[in-house]
């Protein structure tokens, strides 16, 4: 399944901690946006890691959005730029 996670975090320490987690599972597509292709187990692992690190609780200091894209919607994504997303090295199963 394809997922997109975006965030708005002004504090460097918190933001850097989140980025280190997200980079293990997907690819940064913009400064505060990551895209993932994950099976259910990998997605649960990502959520677990986010929870353990405190990113899944409400905070006045930051915003975190997690979007799940159904396969029929992924087919409609249009990308403009120099690099297509998801080389095989980023497929997490």
C-alpha atoms as a PDB file:
ATOM      1  CA  UNK A   1       0.000   0.000   0.000  1.00  0.00           C
ATOM      2  CA  UNK A   2       1.208   3.523  -0.701  1.00  0.00           C
ATOM      3  CA  UNK A   3       1.385   6.029   2.152  1.00  0.00           C
ATOM      4  CA  UNK A   4       2.310   9.672   2.421  1.00  0.00           C
ATOM      5  CA  UNK A   5       3.420  11.277   5.659  1.00  0.00           C
ATOM      6  CA  UNK A   6       3.787  15.013   5.989  1.00  0.00           C
ATOM      7  CA  UNK A   7       4.747  17.046   9.008  1.00  0.00           C
ATOM      8  CA  UNK A   8       5.094  20.577  10.306  1.00  0.00           C
ATOM      9  CA  UNK A   9       7.713  20.643  13.047  1.00  0.00           C
ATOM     10  CA  UNK A  10       9.698  23.765  13.860  1.00  0.00           C
ATOM     11  CA  UNK A  11      11.973  22.293  16.535  1.00  0.00           C
ATOM     12  CA  UNK A  12      15.108  20.832  14.918  1.00  0.00           C
ATOM     13  CA  UNK A  13      15.686  18.078  17.488  1.00  0.00           C
ATOM     14  CA  UNK A  14      12.162  16.673  17.175  1.00  0.00           C
ATOM     15  CA  UNK A  15      12.105  17.055  13.390  1.00  0.00           C
ATOM     16  CA  UNK A  16      15.470  15.326  12.960  1.00  0.00           C
ATOM     17  CA  UNK A  17      14.340  12.419  15.139  1.00  0.00           C
ATOM     18  CA  UNK A  18      11.230  11.978  12.995  1.00  0.00           C
ATOM     19  CA  UNK A  19      13.197  12.214   9.742  1.00  0.00           C
ATOM     20  CA  UNK A  20      15.589   9.465  10.864  1.00  0.00           C
ATOM     21  CA  UNK A  21      12.602   7.166  11.407  1.00  0.00           C
ATOM     22  CA  UNK A  22      10.884   8.037   8.127  1.00  0.00           C
ATOM     23  CA  UNK A  23      14.075   7.622   6.064  1.00  0.00           C
ATOM     24  CA  UNK A  24      14.245   3.966   7.142  1.00  0.00           C
ATOM     25  CA  UNK A  25      10.902   3.212   5.499  1.00  0.00           C
ATOM     26  CA  UNK A  26      10.492   5.532   2.525  1.00  0.00           C
ATOM     27  CA  UNK A  27      11.775   8.395   0.468  1.00  0.00           C
ATOM     28  CA  UNK A  28      11.619  12.115   1.047  1.00  0.00           C
ATOM     29  CA  UNK A  29       9.734  13.682  -1.863  1.00  0.00           C
ATOM     30  CA  UNK A  30       9.689  17.223  -0.468  1.00  0.00           C
ATOM     31  CA  UNK A  31      11.232  18.849   2.579  1.00  0.00           C
ATOM     32  CA  UNK A  32       8.464  17.767   4.951  1.00  0.00           C
ATOM     33  CA  UNK A  33       6.812  15.000   2.904  1.00  0.00           C
ATOM     34  CA  UNK A  34       7.751  11.317   2.684  1.00  0.00           C
ATOM     35  CA  UNK A  35       6.281   8.632   0.440  1.00  0.00           C
ATOM     36  CA  UNK A  36       6.209   4.920   1.267  1.00  0.00           C
ATOM     37  CA  UNK A  37       5.329   1.616  -0.372  1.00  0.00           C
ATOM     38  CA  UNK A  38       4.785  -0.717   2.588  1.00  0.00           C
ATOM     39  CA  UNK A  39       3.088  -4.010   3.263  1.00  0.00           C
ATOM     40  CA  UNK A  40       0.897  -4.276   6.377  1.00  0.00           C
ATOM     41  CA  UNK A  41       3.683  -5.545   8.634  1.00  0.00           C
ATOM     42  CA  UNK A  42       6.093  -2.796   7.617  1.00  0.00           C
ATOM     43  CA  UNK A  43       3.400  -0.154   8.094  1.00  0.00           C
ATOM     44  CA  UNK A  44       2.630  -1.514  11.574  1.00  0.00           C
ATOM     45  CA  UNK A  45       6.361  -1.387  12.368  1.00  0.00           C
ATOM     46  CA  UNK A  46       6.523   2.232  11.221  1.00  0.00           C
ATOM     47  CA  UNK A  47       3.487   3.163  13.327  1.00  0.00           C
ATOM     48  CA  UNK A  48       4.968   1.340  16.310  1.00  0.00           C
ATOM     49  CA  UNK A  49       8.236   3.222  15.969  1.00  0.00           C
ATOM     50  CA  UNK A  50       6.380   6.526  15.652  1.00  0.00           C
ATOM     51  CA  UNK A  51       4.338   5.687  18.758  1.00  0.00           C
ATOM     52  CA  UNK A  52       7.350   4.647  20.842  1.00  0.00           C
ATOM     53  CA  UNK A  53       9.019   7.944  19.945  1.00  0.00           C
ATOM     54  CA  UNK A  54       5.939   9.953  20.899  1.00  0.00           C
ATOM     55  CA  UNK A  55       4.861  11.080  17.444  1.00  0.00           C
ATOM     56  CA  UNK A  56       1.335   9.618  17.543  1.00  0.00           C
ATOM     57  CA  UNK A  57       0.062  11.641  20.477  1.00  0.00           C
ATOM     58  CA  UNK A  58      -1.505  15.067  20.200  1.00  0.00           C
ATOM     59  CA  UNK A  59       0.934  17.931  20.406  1.00  0.00           C
ATOM     60  CA  UNK A  60       0.702  21.702  20.315  1.00  0.00           C
ATOM     61  CA  UNK A  61       4.282  21.778  19.016  1.00  0.00           C
ATOM     62  CA  UNK A  62       3.883  19.945  15.721  1.00  0.00           C
ATOM     63  CA  UNK A  63       1.527  18.388  13.191  1.00  0.00           C
ATOM     64  CA  UNK A  64       1.876  14.956  11.609  1.00  0.00           C
ATOM     65  CA  UNK A  65      -0.406  13.697   8.825  1.00  0.00           C
ATOM     66  CA  UNK A  66      -0.542  10.108   7.546  1.00  0.00           C
ATOM     67  CA  UNK A  67      -2.369   9.435   4.278  1.00  0.00           C
ATOM     68  CA  UNK A  68      -3.163   5.997   2.868  1.00  0.00           C
ATOM     69  CA  UNK A  69      -3.547   5.894  -0.920  1.00  0.00           C
ATOM     70  CA  UNK A  70      -5.643   3.112  -2.391  1.00  0.00           C
ATOM     71  CA  UNK A  71      -4.164   1.466  -5.516  1.00  0.00           C
ATOM     72  CA  UNK A  72      -6.700   3.061  -7.866  1.00  0.00           C
ATOM     73  CA  UNK A  73      -5.655   6.493  -6.555  1.00  0.00           C
ATOM     74  CA  UNK A  74      -1.934   5.760  -6.860  1.00  0.00           C
ATOM     75  CA  UNK A  75      -2.464   5.201 -10.588  1.00  0.00           C
ATOM     76  CA  UNK A  76      -3.777   8.759 -10.875  1.00  0.00           C
ATOM     77  CA  UNK A  77      -0.728  10.411  -9.332  1.00  0.00           C
ATOM     78  CA  UNK A  78       1.092  12.702 -11.747  1.00  0.00           C
ATOM     79  CA  UNK A  79       4.702  13.586 -11.021  1.00  0.00           C
ATOM     80  CA  UNK A  80       6.756  16.291 -12.626  1.00  0.00           C
ATOM     81  CA  UNK A  81      10.453  16.357 -11.900  1.00  0.00           C
ATOM     82  CA  UNK A  82      13.749  14.696 -12.458  1.00  0.00           C
ATOM     83  CA  UNK A  83      13.436  11.480 -10.459  1.00  0.00           C
ATOM     84  CA  UNK A  84      10.626   8.928 -10.317  1.00  0.00           C
ATOM     85  CA  UNK A  85       9.761   7.646  -6.870  1.00  0.00           C
ATOM     86  CA  UNK A  86      10.322   4.154  -5.558  1.00  0.00           C
ATOM     87  CA  UNK A  87      13.270   2.442  -7.053  1.00  0.00           C
ATOM     88  CA  UNK A  88      13.120  -1.209  -6.058  1.00  0.00           C
ATOM     89  CA  UNK A  89      15.523  -0.509  -3.161  1.00  0.00           C
ATOM     90  CA  UNK A  90      12.742   1.387  -1.356  1.00  0.00           C
ATOM     91  CA  UNK A  91      10.145  -1.365  -1.520  1.00  0.00           C
ATOM     92  CA  UNK A  92       9.722  -2.597   2.038  1.00  0.00           C
ATOM     93  CA  UNK A  93       8.123  -6.014   2.520  1.00  0.00           C
END
